[in-house]
Amino acid sequence: MVIVIIGTLAAVVGPRFFDRQVFDERLFHEQLASAVRYAQKQALASGCLVQAQLDSSGLRLRRAADCVSGAYSANLQAADGVYADMALPAGVTLTDNSFPVTFNALGQPDRSVAVSLGGHGVRVHAPAGWIETTP
């Protein structure tokens, strides 16, 4: 009986245990939600426009060149230096991506955006700025 249970567990759980894509999707999902919240908080704290850009190469956080207008070319500054861009992990694909989103001095997004990563999603609701994650 014990051998049957161990064999069943090995057949069902084994492949899931060694598949990194599920873990990579979940990790990037959590990092993405955290980074978008950080961009919103930086816009609120600095009074500058901050943009979160997301595409197939990854996530970039930038602020407006002269704080209130212009190209989003200035790297977002963190307490320990420049906020690092996040590359999209191998095997993780974005679907239903409507980014970029720009936050104003009140932390409000310029529009509602959403993205799906496998079974996970991040949605930013305008005008309130609520950042929703779906498991």
C-alpha atoms as a PDB file:
ATOM      1  CA  MET A   1       0.000   0.000   0.000  1.00  0.00           C
ATOM      2  CA  VAL A   2       2.817   2.397   0.885  1.00  0.00           C
ATOM      3  CA  ILE A   3       4.533   1.728  -2.444  1.00  0.00           C
ATOM      4  CA  VAL A   4       1.293   2.498  -4.334  1.00  0.00           C
ATOM      5  CA  ILE A   5       0.886   5.814  -2.482  1.00  0.00           C
ATOM      6  CA  ILE A   6       4.517   6.812  -3.092  1.00  0.00           C
ATOM      7  CA  GLY A   7       4.217   5.840  -6.767  1.00  0.00           C
ATOM      8  CA  THR A   8       1.048   7.888  -7.184  1.00  0.00           C
ATOM      9  CA  LEU A   9       2.614  10.917  -5.510  1.00  0.00           C
ATOM     10  CA  ALA A  10       5.728  10.606  -7.666  1.00  0.00           C
ATOM     11  CA  ALA A  11       3.637  10.472 -10.842  1.00  0.00           C
ATOM     12  CA  VAL A  12       1.405  13.414  -9.932  1.00  0.00           C
ATOM     13  CA  VAL A  13       3.621  15.730  -7.893  1.00  0.00           C
ATOM     14  CA  GLY A  14       7.009  14.997  -9.466  1.00  0.00           C
ATOM     15  CA  PRO A  15       6.492  16.836 -12.764  1.00  0.00           C
ATOM     16  CA  ARG A  16       5.025  19.864 -10.993  1.00  0.00           C
ATOM     17  CA  PHE A  17       7.920  20.006  -8.584  1.00  0.00           C
ATOM     18  CA  PHE A  18      10.489  20.284 -11.357  1.00  0.00           C
ATOM     19  CA  ASP A  19       8.577  22.738 -13.592  1.00  0.00           C
ATOM     20  CA  ARG A  20      10.024  26.199 -12.960  1.00  0.00           C
ATOM     21  CA  GLN A  21       7.607  28.117 -15.171  1.00  0.00           C
ATOM     22  CA  VAL A  22       4.838  28.078 -12.570  1.00  0.00           C
ATOM     23  CA  PHE A  23       7.207  29.445  -9.928  1.00  0.00           C
ATOM     24  CA  ASP A  24       8.669  32.039 -12.330  1.00  0.00           C
ATOM     25  CA  GLU A  25       5.184  33.268 -13.271  1.00  0.00           C
ATOM     26  CA  ARG A  26       4.158  33.600  -9.635  1.00  0.00           C
ATOM     27  CA  LEU A  27       7.383  35.367  -8.659  1.00  0.00           C
ATOM     28  CA  PHE A  28       7.204  37.842 -11.551  1.00  0.00           C
ATOM     29  CA  HIS A  29       3.513  38.435 -10.758  1.00  0.00           C
ATOM     30  CA  GLU A  30       4.389  39.398  -7.175  1.00  0.00           C
ATOM     31  CA  GLN A  31       7.353  41.539  -8.281  1.00  0.00           C
ATOM     32  CA  LEU A  32       5.229  43.301 -10.901  1.00  0.00           C
ATOM     33  CA  ALA A  33       2.476  44.172  -8.428  1.00  0.00           C
ATOM     34  CA  SER A  34       5.034  45.426  -5.919  1.00  0.00           C
ATOM     35  CA  ALA A  35       6.879  47.524  -8.515  1.00  0.00           C
ATOM     36  CA  VAL A  36       3.666  49.131  -9.806  1.00  0.00           C
ATOM     37  CA  ARG A  37       2.684  49.992  -6.224  1.00  0.00           C
ATOM     38  CA  TYR A  38       6.172  51.446  -5.720  1.00  0.00           C
ATOM     39  CA  ALA A  39       5.780  53.596  -8.855  1.00  0.00           C
ATOM     40  CA  GLN A  40       2.434  54.857  -7.564  1.00  0.00           C
ATOM     41  CA  LYS A  41       3.919  55.713  -4.160  1.00  0.00           C
ATOM     42  CA  GLN A  42       6.879  57.502  -5.752  1.00  0.00           C
ATOM     43  CA  ALA A  43       4.517  59.614  -7.857  1.00  0.00           C
ATOM     44  CA  LEU A  44       2.586  60.499  -4.728  1.00  0.00           C
ATOM     45  CA  ALA A  45       5.697  61.300  -2.688  1.00  0.00           C
ATOM     46  CA  SER A  46       7.593  63.268  -5.349  1.00  0.00           C
ATOM     47  CA  GLY A  47       4.732  64.985  -7.151  1.00  0.00           C
ATOM     48  CA  CYS A  48       6.226  63.834 -10.463  1.00  0.00           C
ATOM     49  CA  LEU A  49       4.618  61.790 -13.212  1.00  0.00           C
ATOM     50  CA  VAL A  50       5.837  58.186 -13.000  1.00  0.00           C
ATOM     51  CA  GLN A  51       5.288  55.572 -15.699  1.00  0.00           C
ATOM     52  CA  ALA A  52       5.372  51.783 -15.460  1.00  0.00           C
ATOM     53  CA  GLN A  53       6.204  50.305 -18.867  1.00  0.00           C
ATOM     54  CA  LEU A  54       5.719  46.578 -19.403  1.00  0.00           C
ATOM     55  CA  ASP A  55       6.441  44.642 -22.575  1.00  0.00           C
ATOM     56  CA  SER A  56       8.045  41.404 -23.712  1.00  0.00           C
ATOM     57  CA  SER A  57      11.468  42.527 -22.462  1.00  0.00           C
ATOM     58  CA  GLY A  58      10.244  43.269 -18.932  1.00  0.00           C
ATOM     59  CA  LEU A  59       9.252  46.135 -16.640  1.00  0.00           C
ATOM     60  CA  ARG A  60      10.777  49.616 -16.528  1.00  0.00           C
ATOM     61  CA  LEU A  61       9.877  52.400 -14.100  1.00  0.00           C
ATOM     62  CA  ARG A  62      10.582  55.934 -15.336  1.00  0.00           C
ATOM     63  CA  ARG A  63       9.561  59.441 -14.341  1.00  0.00           C
ATOM     64  CA  ALA A  64       8.906  62.389 -16.610  1.00  0.00           C
ATOM     65  CA  ALA A  65      12.086  64.201 -17.672  1.00  0.00           C
ATOM     66  CA  ASP A  66      11.087  67.531 -16.086  1.00  0.00           C
ATOM     67  CA  CYS A  67       8.810  65.948 -13.475  1.00  0.00           C
ATOM     68  CA  VAL A  68       5.487  67.164 -14.881  1.00  0.00           C
ATOM     69  CA  SER A  69       5.866  66.631 -18.638  1.00  0.00           C
ATOM     70  CA  GLY A  70       8.166  65.377 -21.344  1.00  0.00           C
ATOM     71  CA  ALA A  71       9.488  61.966 -22.229  1.00  0.00           C
ATOM     72  CA  TYR A  72       9.660  59.261 -19.574  1.00  0.00           C
ATOM     73  CA  SER A  73      13.424  58.964 -19.710  1.00  0.00           C
ATOM     74  CA  ALA A  74      14.594  59.485 -16.132  1.00  0.00           C
ATOM     75  CA  ASN A  75      15.166  56.288 -14.162  1.00  0.00           C
ATOM     76  CA  LEU A  76      13.077  56.077 -11.045  1.00  0.00           C
ATOM     77  CA  GLN A  77      15.291  56.601  -8.019  1.00  0.00           C
ATOM     78  CA  ALA A  78      15.039  54.276  -5.049  1.00  0.00           C
ATOM     79  CA  ALA A  79      16.496  54.790  -1.597  1.00  0.00           C
ATOM     80  CA  ASP A  80      19.493  52.641  -2.528  1.00  0.00           C
ATOM     81  CA  GLY A  81      20.011  54.102  -6.035  1.00  0.00           C
ATOM     82  CA  VAL A  82      18.295  53.444  -9.353  1.00  0.00           C
ATOM     83  CA  TYR A  83      15.269  51.163  -9.281  1.00  0.00           C
ATOM     84  CA  ALA A  84      16.389  48.130 -11.256  1.00  0.00           C
ATOM     85  CA  ASP A  85      14.469  47.158 -14.373  1.00  0.00           C
ATOM     86  CA  MET A  86      12.952  43.687 -14.178  1.00  0.00           C
ATOM     87  CA  ALA A  87      13.503  41.357 -17.106  1.00  0.00           C
ATOM     88  CA  LEU A  88      10.734  38.981 -18.082  1.00  0.00           C
ATOM     89  CA  PRO A  89      11.768  35.458 -17.004  1.00  0.00           C
ATOM     90  CA  ALA A  90      12.288  32.856 -19.732  1.00  0.00           C
ATOM     91  CA  GLY A  91       9.114  30.937 -20.488  1.00  0.00           C
ATOM     92  CA  VAL A  92       6.802  33.579 -19.006  1.00  0.00           C
ATOM     93  CA  THR A  93       4.511  35.247 -21.525  1.00  0.00           C
ATOM     94  CA  LEU A  94       2.295  38.288 -21.172  1.00  0.00           C
ATOM     95  CA  THR A  95      -1.258  38.229 -22.472  1.00  0.00           C
ATOM     96  CA  ASP A  96      -3.908  40.930 -22.528  1.00  0.00           C
ATOM     97  CA  ASN A  97      -1.212  43.528 -21.823  1.00  0.00           C
ATOM     98  CA  SER A  98      -2.507  47.123 -21.887  1.00  0.00           C
ATOM     99  CA  PHE A  99       0.477  48.808 -20.196  1.00  0.00           C
ATOM    100  CA  PRO A 100       2.047  51.446 -19.887  1.00  0.00           C
ATOM    101  CA  VAL A 101       0.341  53.278 -17.064  1.00  0.00           C
ATOM    102  CA  THR A 102       1.264  56.719 -15.754  1.00  0.00           C
ATOM    103  CA  PHE A 103       0.627  57.871 -12.190  1.00  0.00           C
ATOM    104  CA  ASN A 104       0.111  61.558 -11.355  1.00  0.00           C
ATOM    105  CA  ALA A 105       0.977  63.474  -8.176  1.00  0.00           C
ATOM    106  CA  LEU A 106      -2.183  62.145  -6.504  1.00  0.00           C
ATOM    107  CA  GLY A 107      -1.241  58.530  -7.263  1.00  0.00           C
ATOM    108  CA  GLN A 108      -4.018  58.232  -9.825  1.00  0.00           C
ATOM    109  CA  PRO A 109      -3.390  56.267 -13.029  1.00  0.00           C
ATOM    110  CA  ASP A 110      -4.073  57.910 -16.370  1.00  0.00           C
ATOM    111  CA  ARG A 111      -6.202  54.912 -17.399  1.00  0.00           C
ATOM    112  CA  SER A 112      -7.127  51.391 -16.351  1.00  0.00           C
ATOM    113  CA  VAL A 113      -4.650  48.729 -17.438  1.00  0.00           C
ATOM    114  CA  ALA A 114      -4.292  44.981 -16.981  1.00  0.00           C
ATOM    115  CA  VAL A 115      -1.932  42.138 -17.782  1.00  0.00           C
ATOM    116  CA  SER A 116      -2.104  38.364 -17.432  1.00  0.00           C
ATOM    117  CA  LEU A 117       0.852  36.074 -16.728  1.00  0.00           C
ATOM    118  CA  GLY A 118      -0.289  32.502 -17.041  1.00  0.00           C
ATOM    119  CA  GLY A 119      -2.968  32.117 -14.378  1.00  0.00           C
ATOM    120  CA  HIS A 120      -2.028  35.338 -12.576  1.00  0.00           C
ATOM    121  CA  GLY A 121      -3.009  38.907 -13.303  1.00  0.00           C
ATOM    122  CA  VAL A 122      -2.395  42.503 -12.291  1.00  0.00           C
ATOM    123  CA  ARG A 123      -4.973  45.221 -12.887  1.00  0.00           C
ATOM    124  CA  VAL A 124      -4.732  48.955 -12.136  1.00  0.00           C
ATOM    125  CA  HIS A 125      -8.112  50.649 -11.770  1.00  0.00           C
ATOM    126  CA  ALA A 126      -8.606  54.282 -12.770  1.00  0.00           C
ATOM    127  CA  PRO A 127      -9.345  56.794 -11.358  1.00  0.00           C
ATOM    128  CA  ALA A 128      -8.856  55.491  -7.808  1.00  0.00           C
ATOM    129  CA  GLY A 129      -5.510  53.797  -8.457  1.00  0.00           C
ATOM    130  CA  TRP A 130      -6.437  50.512  -6.813  1.00  0.00           C
ATOM    131  CA  ILE A 131      -3.917  47.822  -7.821  1.00  0.00           C
ATOM    132  CA  GLU A 132      -5.606  44.432  -7.876  1.00  0.00           C
ATOM    133  CA  THR A 133      -3.855  41.084  -8.163  1.00  0.00           C
ATOM    134  CA  THR A 134      -5.530  37.850  -9.137  1.00  0.00           C
ATOM    135  CA  PRO A 135      -4.032  34.525  -8.126  1.00  0.00           C
END
